mmCIF file of all heavy atoms, coordinates in Angstrom:
data_MODEL
# 
_entry.id   MODEL 
# 
loop_
_atom_site.group_PDB 
_atom_site.id 
_atom_site.type_symbol 
_atom_site.label_atom_id 
_atom_site.label_alt_id 
_atom_site.label_comp_id 
_atom_site.label_asym_id 
_atom_site.label_entity_id 
_atom_site.label_seq_id 
_atom_site.pdbx_PDB_ins_code 
_atom_site.Cartn_x 
_atom_site.Cartn_y 
_atom_site.Cartn_z 
_atom_site.occupancy 
_atom_site.B_iso_or_equiv 
_atom_site.pdbx_formal_charge 
_atom_site.auth_seq_id 
_atom_site.auth_comp_id 
_atom_site.auth_asym_id 
_atom_site.auth_atom_id 
_atom_site.pdbx_PDB_model_num 
ATOM 1   N N   . ARG A 1 1  ? 27.685 -0.050 19.865 1.00 0.00 ? 1  ARG A N   1 
ATOM 2   C CA  . ARG A 1 1  ? 27.655 -0.950 21.014 1.00 0.00 ? 1  ARG A CA  1 
ATOM 3   C C   . ARG A 1 1  ? 26.603 -0.497 22.030 1.00 0.00 ? 1  ARG A C   1 
ATOM 4   O O   . ARG A 1 1  ? 25.888 -1.302 22.620 1.00 0.00 ? 1  ARG A O   1 
ATOM 5   C CB  . ARG A 1 1  ? 29.034 -0.973 21.671 1.00 0.00 ? 1  ARG A CB  1 
ATOM 6   C CG  . ARG A 1 1  ? 29.454 -2.343 22.175 1.00 0.00 ? 1  ARG A CG  1 
ATOM 7   C CD  . ARG A 1 1  ? 30.942 -2.430 22.396 1.00 0.00 ? 1  ARG A CD  1 
ATOM 8   N NE  . ARG A 1 1  ? 31.364 -1.823 23.642 1.00 0.00 ? 1  ARG A NE  1 
ATOM 9   C CZ  . ARG A 1 1  ? 32.425 -1.047 23.776 1.00 0.00 ? 1  ARG A CZ  1 
ATOM 10  N NH1 . ARG A 1 1  ? 33.150 -0.748 22.727 1.00 0.00 ? 1  ARG A NH1 1 
ATOM 11  N NH2 . ARG A 1 1  ? 32.754 -0.556 24.942 1.00 0.00 ? 1  ARG A NH2 1 
ATOM 12  N N   . ILE A 1 2  ? 26.490 0.813  22.222 1.00 0.00 ? 2  ILE A N   1 
ATOM 13  C CA  . ILE A 1 2  ? 25.524 1.357  23.172 1.00 0.00 ? 2  ILE A CA  1 
ATOM 14  C C   . ILE A 1 2  ? 24.101 1.129  22.665 1.00 0.00 ? 2  ILE A C   1 
ATOM 15  O O   . ILE A 1 2  ? 23.236 0.624  23.385 1.00 0.00 ? 2  ILE A O   1 
ATOM 16  C CB  . ILE A 1 2  ? 25.789 2.858  23.398 1.00 0.00 ? 2  ILE A CB  1 
ATOM 17  C CG1 . ILE A 1 2  ? 27.134 3.061  24.111 1.00 0.00 ? 2  ILE A CG1 1 
ATOM 18  C CG2 . ILE A 1 2  ? 24.647 3.493  24.197 1.00 0.00 ? 2  ILE A CG2 1 
ATOM 19  C CD1 . ILE A 1 2  ? 27.604 4.497  24.150 1.00 0.00 ? 2  ILE A CD1 1 
ATOM 20  N N   . PHE A 1 3  ? 23.837 1.505  21.405 1.00 0.00 ? 3  PHE A N   1 
ATOM 21  C CA  . PHE A 1 3  ? 22.488 1.354  20.859 1.00 0.00 ? 3  PHE A CA  1 
ATOM 22  C C   . PHE A 1 3  ? 22.067 -0.112 20.799 1.00 0.00 ? 3  PHE A C   1 
ATOM 23  O O   . PHE A 1 3  ? 20.918 -0.446 21.121 1.00 0.00 ? 3  PHE A O   1 
ATOM 24  C CB  . PHE A 1 3  ? 22.421 1.963  19.457 1.00 0.00 ? 3  PHE A CB  1 
ATOM 25  C CG  . PHE A 1 3  ? 22.562 3.459  19.417 1.00 0.00 ? 3  PHE A CG  1 
ATOM 26  C CD1 . PHE A 1 3  ? 23.431 4.067  18.536 1.00 0.00 ? 3  PHE A CD1 1 
ATOM 27  C CD2 . PHE A 1 3  ? 21.813 4.256  20.268 1.00 0.00 ? 3  PHE A CD2 1 
ATOM 28  C CE1 . PHE A 1 3  ? 23.556 5.444  18.502 1.00 0.00 ? 3  PHE A CE1 1 
ATOM 29  C CE2 . PHE A 1 3  ? 21.938 5.638  20.252 1.00 0.00 ? 3  PHE A CE2 1 
ATOM 30  C CZ  . PHE A 1 3  ? 22.809 6.235  19.357 1.00 0.00 ? 3  PHE A CZ  1 
ATOM 31  N N   . GLU A 1 4  ? 22.978 -0.964 20.397 1.00 0.00 ? 4  GLU A N   1 
ATOM 32  C CA  . GLU A 1 4  ? 22.636 -2.377 20.267 1.00 0.00 ? 4  GLU A CA  1 
ATOM 33  C C   . GLU A 1 4  ? 22.293 -2.984 21.624 1.00 0.00 ? 4  GLU A C   1 
ATOM 34  O O   . GLU A 1 4  ? 21.278 -3.676 21.776 1.00 0.00 ? 4  GLU A O   1 
ATOM 35  C CB  . GLU A 1 4  ? 23.799 -3.145 19.624 1.00 0.00 ? 4  GLU A CB  1 
ATOM 36  C CG  . GLU A 1 4  ? 23.509 -4.620 19.448 1.00 0.00 ? 4  GLU A CG  1 
ATOM 37  C CD  . GLU A 1 4  ? 24.698 -5.386 18.912 1.00 0.00 ? 4  GLU A CD  1 
ATOM 38  O OE1 . GLU A 1 4  ? 25.852 -4.984 19.193 1.00 0.00 ? 4  GLU A OE1 1 
ATOM 39  O OE2 . GLU A 1 4  ? 24.491 -6.391 18.209 1.00 0.00 ? 4  GLU A OE2 1 
ATOM 40  N N   . ALA A 1 5  ? 23.145 -2.730 22.612 1.00 0.00 ? 5  ALA A N   1 
ATOM 41  C CA  . ALA A 1 5  ? 22.919 -3.323 23.937 1.00 0.00 ? 5  ALA A CA  1 
ATOM 42  C C   . ALA A 1 5  ? 21.623 -2.821 24.555 1.00 0.00 ? 5  ALA A C   1 
ATOM 43  O O   . ALA A 1 5  ? 20.907 -3.571 25.215 1.00 0.00 ? 5  ALA A O   1 
ATOM 44  C CB  . ALA A 1 5  ? 24.095 -2.997 24.850 1.00 0.00 ? 5  ALA A CB  1 
ATOM 45  N N   . ALA A 1 6  ? 21.308 -1.547 24.312 1.00 0.00 ? 6  ALA A N   1 
ATOM 46  C CA  . ALA A 1 6  ? 20.148 -0.960 24.992 1.00 0.00 ? 6  ALA A CA  1 
ATOM 47  C C   . ALA A 1 6  ? 18.835 -1.227 24.280 1.00 0.00 ? 6  ALA A C   1 
ATOM 48  O O   . ALA A 1 6  ? 17.808 -1.484 24.933 1.00 0.00 ? 6  ALA A O   1 
ATOM 49  C CB  . ALA A 1 6  ? 20.359 0.547  25.140 1.00 0.00 ? 6  ALA A CB  1 
ATOM 50  N N   . PHE A 1 7  ? 18.818 -1.202 22.940 1.00 0.00 ? 7  PHE A N   1 
ATOM 51  C CA  . PHE A 1 7  ? 17.525 -1.129 22.249 1.00 0.00 ? 7  PHE A CA  1 
ATOM 52  C C   . PHE A 1 7  ? 17.317 -2.158 21.142 1.00 0.00 ? 7  PHE A C   1 
ATOM 53  O O   . PHE A 1 7  ? 16.233 -2.183 20.551 1.00 0.00 ? 7  PHE A O   1 
ATOM 54  C CB  . PHE A 1 7  ? 17.344 0.266  21.638 1.00 0.00 ? 7  PHE A CB  1 
ATOM 55  C CG  . PHE A 1 7  ? 17.546 1.389  22.607 1.00 0.00 ? 7  PHE A CG  1 
ATOM 56  C CD1 . PHE A 1 7  ? 18.581 2.292  22.447 1.00 0.00 ? 7  PHE A CD1 1 
ATOM 57  C CD2 . PHE A 1 7  ? 16.711 1.542  23.700 1.00 0.00 ? 7  PHE A CD2 1 
ATOM 58  C CE1 . PHE A 1 7  ? 18.771 3.327  23.344 1.00 0.00 ? 7  PHE A CE1 1 
ATOM 59  C CE2 . PHE A 1 7  ? 16.890 2.571  24.615 1.00 0.00 ? 7  PHE A CE2 1 
ATOM 60  C CZ  . PHE A 1 7  ? 17.932 3.466  24.440 1.00 0.00 ? 7  PHE A CZ  1 
ATOM 61  N N   . ALA A 1 8  ? 18.306 -3.002 20.850 1.00 0.00 ? 8  ALA A N   1 
ATOM 62  C CA  . ALA A 1 8  ? 18.175 -3.871 19.682 1.00 0.00 ? 8  ALA A CA  1 
ATOM 63  C C   . ALA A 1 8  ? 17.289 -5.098 19.917 1.00 0.00 ? 8  ALA A C   1 
ATOM 64  O O   . ALA A 1 8  ? 16.894 -5.744 18.949 1.00 0.00 ? 8  ALA A O   1 
ATOM 65  C CB  . ALA A 1 8  ? 19.565 -4.329 19.216 1.00 0.00 ? 8  ALA A CB  1 
ATOM 66  N N   . ALA A 1 9  ? 16.993 -5.418 21.147 1.00 0.00 ? 9  ALA A N   1 
ATOM 67  C CA  . ALA A 1 9  ? 16.224 -6.639 21.432 1.00 0.00 ? 9  ALA A CA  1 
ATOM 68  C C   . ALA A 1 9  ? 14.801 -6.294 21.839 1.00 0.00 ? 9  ALA A C   1 
ATOM 69  O O   . ALA A 1 9  ? 14.528 -5.218 22.393 1.00 0.00 ? 9  ALA A O   1 
ATOM 70  C CB  . ALA A 1 9  ? 16.905 -7.438 22.541 1.00 0.00 ? 9  ALA A CB  1 
ATOM 71  N N   . ALA A 1 10 ? 13.874 -7.222 21.544 1.00 0.00 ? 10 ALA A N   1 
ATOM 72  C CA  . ALA A 1 10 ? 12.482 -7.068 21.957 1.00 0.00 ? 10 ALA A CA  1 
ATOM 73  C C   . ALA A 1 10 ? 12.424 -6.933 23.489 1.00 0.00 ? 10 ALA A C   1 
ATOM 74  O O   . ALA A 1 10 ? 13.261 -7.498 24.197 1.00 0.00 ? 10 ALA A O   1 
ATOM 75  C CB  . ALA A 1 10 ? 11.680 -8.277 21.496 1.00 0.00 ? 10 ALA A CB  1 
ATOM 76  N N   . PRO A 1 11 ? 11.489 -6.154 24.015 1.00 0.00 ? 11 PRO A N   1 
ATOM 77  C CA  . PRO A 1 11 ? 10.351 -5.533 23.319 1.00 0.00 ? 11 PRO A CA  1 
ATOM 78  C C   . PRO A 1 11 ? 10.635 -4.165 22.726 1.00 0.00 ? 11 PRO A C   1 
ATOM 79  O O   . PRO A 1 11 ? 9.715  -3.510 22.247 1.00 0.00 ? 11 PRO A O   1 
ATOM 80  C CB  . PRO A 1 11 ? 9.304  -5.432 24.423 1.00 0.00 ? 11 PRO A CB  1 
ATOM 81  C CG  . PRO A 1 11 ? 10.114 -5.171 25.662 1.00 0.00 ? 11 PRO A CG  1 
ATOM 82  C CD  . PRO A 1 11 ? 11.379 -5.986 25.488 1.00 0.00 ? 11 PRO A CD  1 
ATOM 83  N N   . CYS A 1 12 ? 11.893 -3.707 22.794 1.00 0.00 ? 12 CYS A N   1 
ATOM 84  C CA  . CYS A 1 12 ? 12.218 -2.398 22.242 1.00 0.00 ? 12 CYS A CA  1 
ATOM 85  C C   . CYS A 1 12 ? 12.244 -2.437 20.720 1.00 0.00 ? 12 CYS A C   1 
ATOM 86  O O   . CYS A 1 12 ? 12.322 -3.512 20.112 1.00 0.00 ? 12 CYS A O   1 
ATOM 87  C CB  . CYS A 1 12 ? 13.576 -1.923 22.762 1.00 0.00 ? 12 CYS A CB  1 
ATOM 88  S SG  . CYS A 1 12 ? 13.554 -1.450 24.512 1.00 0.00 ? 12 CYS A SG  1 
ATOM 89  N N   . ARG A 1 13 ? 12.198 -1.264 20.132 1.00 0.00 ? 13 ARG A N   1 
ATOM 90  C CA  . ARG A 1 13 ? 12.356 -1.106 18.693 1.00 0.00 ? 13 ARG A CA  1 
ATOM 91  C C   . ARG A 1 13 ? 13.492 -0.129 18.446 1.00 0.00 ? 13 ARG A C   1 
ATOM 92  O O   . ARG A 1 13 ? 13.511 0.962  19.028 1.00 0.00 ? 13 ARG A O   1 
ATOM 93  C CB  . ARG A 1 13 ? 11.058 -0.594 18.056 1.00 0.00 ? 13 ARG A CB  1 
ATOM 94  C CG  . ARG A 1 13 ? 9.964  -1.647 17.989 1.00 0.00 ? 13 ARG A CG  1 
ATOM 95  C CD  . ARG A 1 13 ? 8.615  -1.028 17.645 1.00 0.00 ? 13 ARG A CD  1 
ATOM 96  N NE  . ARG A 1 13 ? 7.598  -2.054 17.382 1.00 0.00 ? 13 ARG A NE  1 
ATOM 97  C CZ  . ARG A 1 13 ? 6.929  -2.694 18.317 1.00 0.00 ? 13 ARG A CZ  1 
ATOM 98  N NH1 . ARG A 1 13 ? 7.177  -2.440 19.583 1.00 0.00 ? 13 ARG A NH1 1 
ATOM 99  N NH2 . ARG A 1 13 ? 6.024  -3.608 17.999 1.00 0.00 ? 13 ARG A NH2 1 
ATOM 100 N N   . LEU A 1 14 ? 14.425 -0.522 17.584 1.00 0.00 ? 14 LEU A N   1 
ATOM 101 C CA  . LEU A 1 14 ? 15.554 0.322  17.219 1.00 0.00 ? 14 LEU A CA  1 
ATOM 102 C C   . LEU A 1 14 ? 15.512 0.539  15.714 1.00 0.00 ? 14 LEU A C   1 
ATOM 103 O O   . LEU A 1 14 ? 15.578 -0.425 14.942 1.00 0.00 ? 14 LEU A O   1 
ATOM 104 C CB  . LEU A 1 14 ? 16.877 -0.339 17.635 1.00 0.00 ? 14 LEU A CB  1 
ATOM 105 C CG  . LEU A 1 14 ? 18.169 0.351  17.191 1.00 0.00 ? 14 LEU A CG  1 
ATOM 106 C CD1 . LEU A 1 14 ? 18.234 1.779  17.746 1.00 0.00 ? 14 LEU A CD1 1 
ATOM 107 C CD2 . LEU A 1 14 ? 19.382 -0.452 17.659 1.00 0.00 ? 14 LEU A CD2 1 
ATOM 108 N N   . VAL A 1 15 ? 15.384 1.792  15.287 1.00 0.00 ? 15 VAL A N   1 
ATOM 109 C CA  . VAL A 1 15 ? 15.245 2.123  13.872 1.00 0.00 ? 15 VAL A CA  1 
ATOM 110 C C   . VAL A 1 15 ? 16.480 2.891  13.433 1.00 0.00 ? 15 VAL A C   1 
ATOM 111 O O   . VAL A 1 15 ? 16.816 3.939  14.015 1.00 0.00 ? 15 VAL A O   1 
ATOM 112 C CB  . VAL A 1 15 ? 13.981 2.958  13.599 1.00 0.00 ? 15 VAL A CB  1 
ATOM 113 C CG1 . VAL A 1 15 ? 13.813 3.215  12.105 1.00 0.00 ? 15 VAL A CG1 1 
ATOM 114 C CG2 . VAL A 1 15 ? 12.752 2.258  14.167 1.00 0.00 ? 15 VAL A CG2 1 
ATOM 115 N N   . LEU A 1 16 ? 17.165 2.375  12.426 1.00 0.00 ? 16 LEU A N   1 
ATOM 116 C CA  . LEU A 1 16 ? 18.394 2.983  11.901 1.00 0.00 ? 16 LEU A CA  1 
ATOM 117 C C   . LEU A 1 16 ? 18.102 3.563  10.528 1.00 0.00 ? 16 LEU A C   1 
ATOM 118 O O   . LEU A 1 16 ? 17.787 2.826  9.594  1.00 0.00 ? 16 LEU A O   1 
ATOM 119 C CB  . LEU A 1 16 ? 19.499 1.930  11.814 1.00 0.00 ? 16 LEU A CB  1 
ATOM 120 C CG  . LEU A 1 16 ? 19.670 1.031  13.040 1.00 0.00 ? 16 LEU A CG  1 
ATOM 121 C CD1 . LEU A 1 16 ? 20.727 -0.031 12.776 1.00 0.00 ? 16 LEU A CD1 1 
ATOM 122 C CD2 . LEU A 1 16 ? 20.024 1.850  14.270 1.00 0.00 ? 16 LEU A CD2 1 
ATOM 123 N N   . VAL A 1 17 ? 18.202 4.873  10.394 1.00 0.00 ? 17 VAL A N   1 
ATOM 124 C CA  . VAL A 1 17 ? 17.906 5.556  9.148  1.00 0.00 ? 17 VAL A CA  1 
ATOM 125 C C   . VAL A 1 17 ? 19.203 6.113  8.589  1.00 0.00 ? 17 VAL A C   1 
ATOM 126 O O   . VAL A 1 17 ? 19.872 6.932  9.238  1.00 0.00 ? 17 VAL A O   1 
ATOM 127 C CB  . VAL A 1 17 ? 16.904 6.705  9.356  1.00 0.00 ? 17 VAL A CB  1 
ATOM 128 C CG1 . VAL A 1 17 ? 16.489 7.305  8.014  1.00 0.00 ? 17 VAL A CG1 1 
ATOM 129 C CG2 . VAL A 1 17 ? 15.680 6.237  10.130 1.00 0.00 ? 17 VAL A CG2 1 
ATOM 130 N N   . GLY A 1 18 ? 19.589 5.670  7.390  1.00 0.00 ? 18 GLY A N   1 
ATOM 131 C CA  . GLY A 1 18 ? 20.844 6.168  6.851  1.00 0.00 ? 18 GLY A CA  1 
ATOM 132 C C   . GLY A 1 18 ? 21.118 5.693  5.438  1.00 0.00 ? 18 GLY A C   1 
ATOM 133 O O   . GLY A 1 18 ? 20.390 4.881  4.877  1.00 0.00 ? 18 GLY A O   1 
ATOM 134 N N   . ASP A 1 19 ? 22.191 6.226  4.882  1.00 0.00 ? 19 ASP A N   1 
ATOM 135 C CA  . ASP A 1 19 ? 22.632 5.889  3.528  1.00 0.00 ? 19 ASP A CA  1 
ATOM 136 C C   . ASP A 1 19 ? 23.844 4.963  3.642  1.00 0.00 ? 19 ASP A C   1 
ATOM 137 O O   . ASP A 1 19 ? 24.928 5.421  4.014  1.00 0.00 ? 19 ASP A O   1 
ATOM 138 C CB  . ASP A 1 19 ? 23.008 7.164  2.777  1.00 0.00 ? 19 ASP A CB  1 
ATOM 139 C CG  . ASP A 1 19 ? 23.378 6.896  1.314  1.00 0.00 ? 19 ASP A CG  1 
ATOM 140 O OD1 . ASP A 1 19 ? 23.530 5.717  0.949  1.00 0.00 ? 19 ASP A OD1 1 
ATOM 141 O OD2 . ASP A 1 19 ? 23.517 7.867  0.551  1.00 0.00 ? 19 ASP A OD2 1 
ATOM 142 N N   . PRO A 1 20 ? 23.687 3.678  3.340  1.00 0.00 ? 20 PRO A N   1 
ATOM 143 C CA  . PRO A 1 20 ? 24.818 2.761  3.511  1.00 0.00 ? 20 PRO A CA  1 
ATOM 144 C C   . PRO A 1 20 ? 26.019 3.128  2.656  1.00 0.00 ? 20 PRO A C   1 
ATOM 145 O O   . PRO A 1 20 ? 27.151 2.864  3.037  1.00 0.00 ? 20 PRO A O   1 
ATOM 146 C CB  . PRO A 1 20 ? 24.237 1.397  3.104  1.00 0.00 ? 20 PRO A CB  1 
ATOM 147 C CG  . PRO A 1 20 ? 23.025 1.711  2.290  1.00 0.00 ? 20 PRO A CG  1 
ATOM 148 C CD  . PRO A 1 20 ? 22.486 2.997  2.841  1.00 0.00 ? 20 PRO A CD  1 
ATOM 149 N N   . LYS A 1 21 ? 25.777 3.750  1.492  1.00 0.00 ? 21 LYS A N   1 
ATOM 150 C CA  . LYS A 1 21 ? 26.897 4.101  0.609  1.00 0.00 ? 21 LYS A CA  1 
ATOM 151 C C   . LYS A 1 21 ? 27.822 5.123  1.269  1.00 0.00 ? 21 LYS A C   1 
ATOM 152 O O   . LYS A 1 21 ? 29.015 5.148  1.007  1.00 0.00 ? 21 LYS A O   1 
ATOM 153 C CB  . LYS A 1 21 ? 26.358 4.634  -0.712 1.00 0.00 ? 21 LYS A CB  1 
ATOM 154 C CG  . LYS A 1 21 ? 25.504 3.625  -1.475 1.00 0.00 ? 21 LYS A CG  1 
ATOM 155 C CD  . LYS A 1 21 ? 25.029 4.149  -2.802 1.00 0.00 ? 21 LYS A CD  1 
ATOM 156 C CE  . LYS A 1 21 ? 24.073 5.310  -2.665 1.00 0.00 ? 21 LYS A CE  1 
ATOM 157 N NZ  . LYS A 1 21 ? 22.837 4.954  -1.887 1.00 0.00 ? 21 LYS A NZ  1 
ATOM 158 N N   . GLN A 1 22 ? 27.257 5.968  2.143  1.00 0.00 ? 22 GLN A N   1 
ATOM 159 C CA  . GLN A 1 22 ? 28.090 6.956  2.825  1.00 0.00 ? 22 GLN A CA  1 
ATOM 160 C C   . GLN A 1 22 ? 28.859 6.345  3.996  1.00 0.00 ? 22 GLN A C   1 
ATOM 161 O O   . GLN A 1 22 ? 29.743 7.003  4.552  1.00 0.00 ? 22 GLN A O   1 
ATOM 162 C CB  . GLN A 1 22 ? 27.220 8.114  3.318  1.00 0.00 ? 22 GLN A CB  1 
ATOM 163 C CG  . GLN A 1 22 ? 26.622 8.943  2.203  1.00 0.00 ? 22 GLN A CG  1 
ATOM 164 C CD  . GLN A 1 22 ? 25.860 10.150 2.718  1.00 0.00 ? 22 GLN A CD  1 
ATOM 165 O OE1 . GLN A 1 22 ? 26.271 10.792 3.686  1.00 0.00 ? 22 GLN A OE1 1 
ATOM 166 N NE2 . GLN A 1 22 ? 24.746 10.470 2.096  1.00 0.00 ? 22 GLN A NE2 1 
ATOM 167 N N   . ALA A 1 23 ? 28.532 5.120  4.359  1.00 0.00 ? 23 ALA A N   1 
ATOM 168 C CA  . ALA A 1 23 ? 29.256 4.464  5.453  1.00 0.00 ? 23 ALA A CA  1 
ATOM 169 C C   . ALA A 1 23 ? 30.710 4.171  5.075  1.00 0.00 ? 23 ALA A C   1 
ATOM 170 O O   . ALA A 1 23 ? 31.526 3.887  5.955  1.00 0.00 ? 23 ALA A O   1 
ATOM 171 C CB  . ALA A 1 23 ? 28.562 3.160  5.851  1.00 0.00 ? 23 ALA A CB  1 
ATOM 172 N N   . ILE A 1 24 ? 31.037 4.236  3.787  1.00 0.00 ? 24 ILE A N   1 
ATOM 173 C CA  . ILE A 1 24 ? 32.417 3.967  3.364  1.00 0.00 ? 24 ILE A CA  1 
ATOM 174 C C   . ILE A 1 24 ? 33.304 5.192  3.543  1.00 0.00 ? 24 ILE A C   1 
ATOM 175 O O   . ILE A 1 24 ? 34.523 5.109  3.343  1.00 0.00 ? 24 ILE A O   1 
ATOM 176 C CB  . ILE A 1 24 ? 32.478 3.502  1.886  1.00 0.00 ? 24 ILE A CB  1 
ATOM 177 C CG1 . ILE A 1 24 ? 32.116 4.650  0.934  1.00 0.00 ? 24 ILE A CG1 1 
ATOM 178 C CG2 . ILE A 1 24 ? 31.570 2.304  1.655  1.00 0.00 ? 24 ILE A CG2 1 
ATOM 179 C CD1 . ILE A 1 24 ? 32.324 4.320  -0.531 1.00 0.00 ? 24 ILE A CD1 1 
ATOM 180 N N   . TYR A 1 25 ? 32.745 6.345  3.944  1.00 0.00 ? 25 TYR A N   1 
ATOM 181 C CA  . TYR A 1 25 ? 33.519 7.577  4.062  1.00 0.00 ? 25 TYR A CA  1 
ATOM 182 C C   . TYR A 1 25 ? 34.274 7.604  5.387  1.00 0.00 ? 25 TYR A C   1 
ATOM 183 O O   . TYR A 1 25 ? 33.883 8.304  6.323  1.00 0.00 ? 25 TYR A O   1 
ATOM 184 C CB  . TYR A 1 25 ? 32.600 8.800  3.965  1.00 0.00 ? 25 TYR A CB  1 
ATOM 185 C CG  . TYR A 1 25 ? 31.910 8.988  2.645  1.00 0.00 ? 25 TYR A CG  1 
ATOM 186 C CD1 . TYR A 1 25 ? 30.760 9.760  2.546  1.00 0.00 ? 25 TYR A CD1 1 
ATOM 187 C CD2 . TYR A 1 25 ? 32.392 8.403  1.474  1.00 0.00 ? 25 TYR A CD2 1 
ATOM 188 C CE1 . TYR A 1 25 ? 30.119 9.951  1.334  1.00 0.00 ? 25 TYR A CE1 1 
ATOM 189 C CE2 . TYR A 1 25 ? 31.751 8.567  0.269  1.00 0.00 ? 25 TYR A CE2 1 
ATOM 190 C CZ  . TYR A 1 25 ? 30.616 9.353  0.203  1.00 0.00 ? 25 TYR A CZ  1 
ATOM 191 O OH  . TYR A 1 25 ? 29.976 9.526  -0.986 1.00 0.00 ? 25 TYR A OH  1 
ATOM 192 N N   . ALA A 1 26 ? 35.358 6.876  5.462  1.00 0.00 ? 26 ALA A N   1 
ATOM 193 C CA  . ALA A 1 26 ? 36.131 6.847  6.707  1.00 0.00 ? 26 ALA A CA  1 
ATOM 194 C C   . ALA A 1 26 ? 36.700 8.210  7.058  1.00 0.00 ? 26 ALA A C   1 
ATOM 195 O O   . ALA A 1 26 ? 36.888 8.522  8.231  1.00 0.00 ? 26 ALA A O   1 
ATOM 196 C CB  . ALA A 1 26 ? 37.262 5.823  6.584  1.00 0.00 ? 26 ALA A CB  1 
ATOM 197 N N   . PHE A 1 27 ? 36.954 9.042  6.049  1.00 0.00 ? 27 PHE A N   1 
ATOM 198 C CA  . PHE A 1 27 ? 37.551 10.346 6.304  1.00 0.00 ? 27 PHE A CA  1 
ATOM 199 C C   . PHE A 1 27 ? 36.640 11.244 7.110  1.00 0.00 ? 27 PHE A C   1 
ATOM 200 O O   . PHE A 1 27 ? 37.089 12.204 7.728  1.00 0.00 ? 27 PHE A O   1 
ATOM 201 C CB  . PHE A 1 27 ? 37.926 11.038 4.984  1.00 0.00 ? 27 PHE A CB  1 
ATOM 202 C CG  . PHE A 1 27 ? 36.751 11.417 4.127  1.00 0.00 ? 27 PHE A CG  1 
ATOM 203 C CD1 . PHE A 1 27 ? 36.131 12.637 4.267  1.00 0.00 ? 27 PHE A CD1 1 
ATOM 204 C CD2 . PHE A 1 27 ? 36.278 10.533 3.164  1.00 0.00 ? 27 PHE A CD2 1 
ATOM 205 C CE1 . PHE A 1 27 ? 35.054 12.976 3.480  1.00 0.00 ? 27 PHE A CE1 1 
ATOM 206 C CE2 . PHE A 1 27 ? 35.207 10.868 2.367  1.00 0.00 ? 27 PHE A CE2 1 
ATOM 207 C CZ  . PHE A 1 27 ? 34.582 12.093 2.524  1.00 0.00 ? 27 PHE A CZ  1 
ATOM 208 N N   . ARG A 1 28 ? 35.321 10.962 7.145  1.00 0.00 ? 28 ARG A N   1 
ATOM 209 C CA  . ARG A 1 28 ? 34.404 11.776 7.953  1.00 0.00 ? 28 ARG A CA  1 
ATOM 210 C C   . ARG A 1 28 ? 33.760 10.959 9.054  1.00 0.00 ? 28 ARG A C   1 
ATOM 211 O O   . ARG A 1 28 ? 32.722 11.308 9.595  1.00 0.00 ? 28 ARG A O   1 
ATOM 212 C CB  . ARG A 1 28 ? 33.334 12.438 7.094  1.00 0.00 ? 28 ARG A CB  1 
ATOM 213 C CG  . ARG A 1 28 ? 32.547 11.514 6.254  1.00 0.00 ? 28 ARG A CG  1 
ATOM 214 C CD  . ARG A 1 28 ? 31.397 12.250 5.576  1.00 0.00 ? 28 ARG A CD  1 
ATOM 215 N NE  . ARG A 1 28 ? 30.127 11.787 6.095  1.00 0.00 ? 28 ARG A NE  1 
ATOM 216 C CZ  . ARG A 1 28 ? 28.954 12.145 5.582  1.00 0.00 ? 28 ARG A CZ  1 
ATOM 217 N NH1 . ARG A 1 28 ? 28.918 12.977 4.574  1.00 0.00 ? 28 ARG A NH1 1 
ATOM 218 N NH2 . ARG A 1 28 ? 27.840 11.688 6.095  1.00 0.00 ? 28 ARG A NH2 1 
# 
C-alpha cells in the first residue's frame, strides 16, 4: 500500500524484483 501510493504512478518509476513462485510461502 505504501509503495503503490507513493511510487506506482507517473512520473515515478517503481521496479519490483522478485520470484513470484516464492510469494506462495505464507509461512515466511
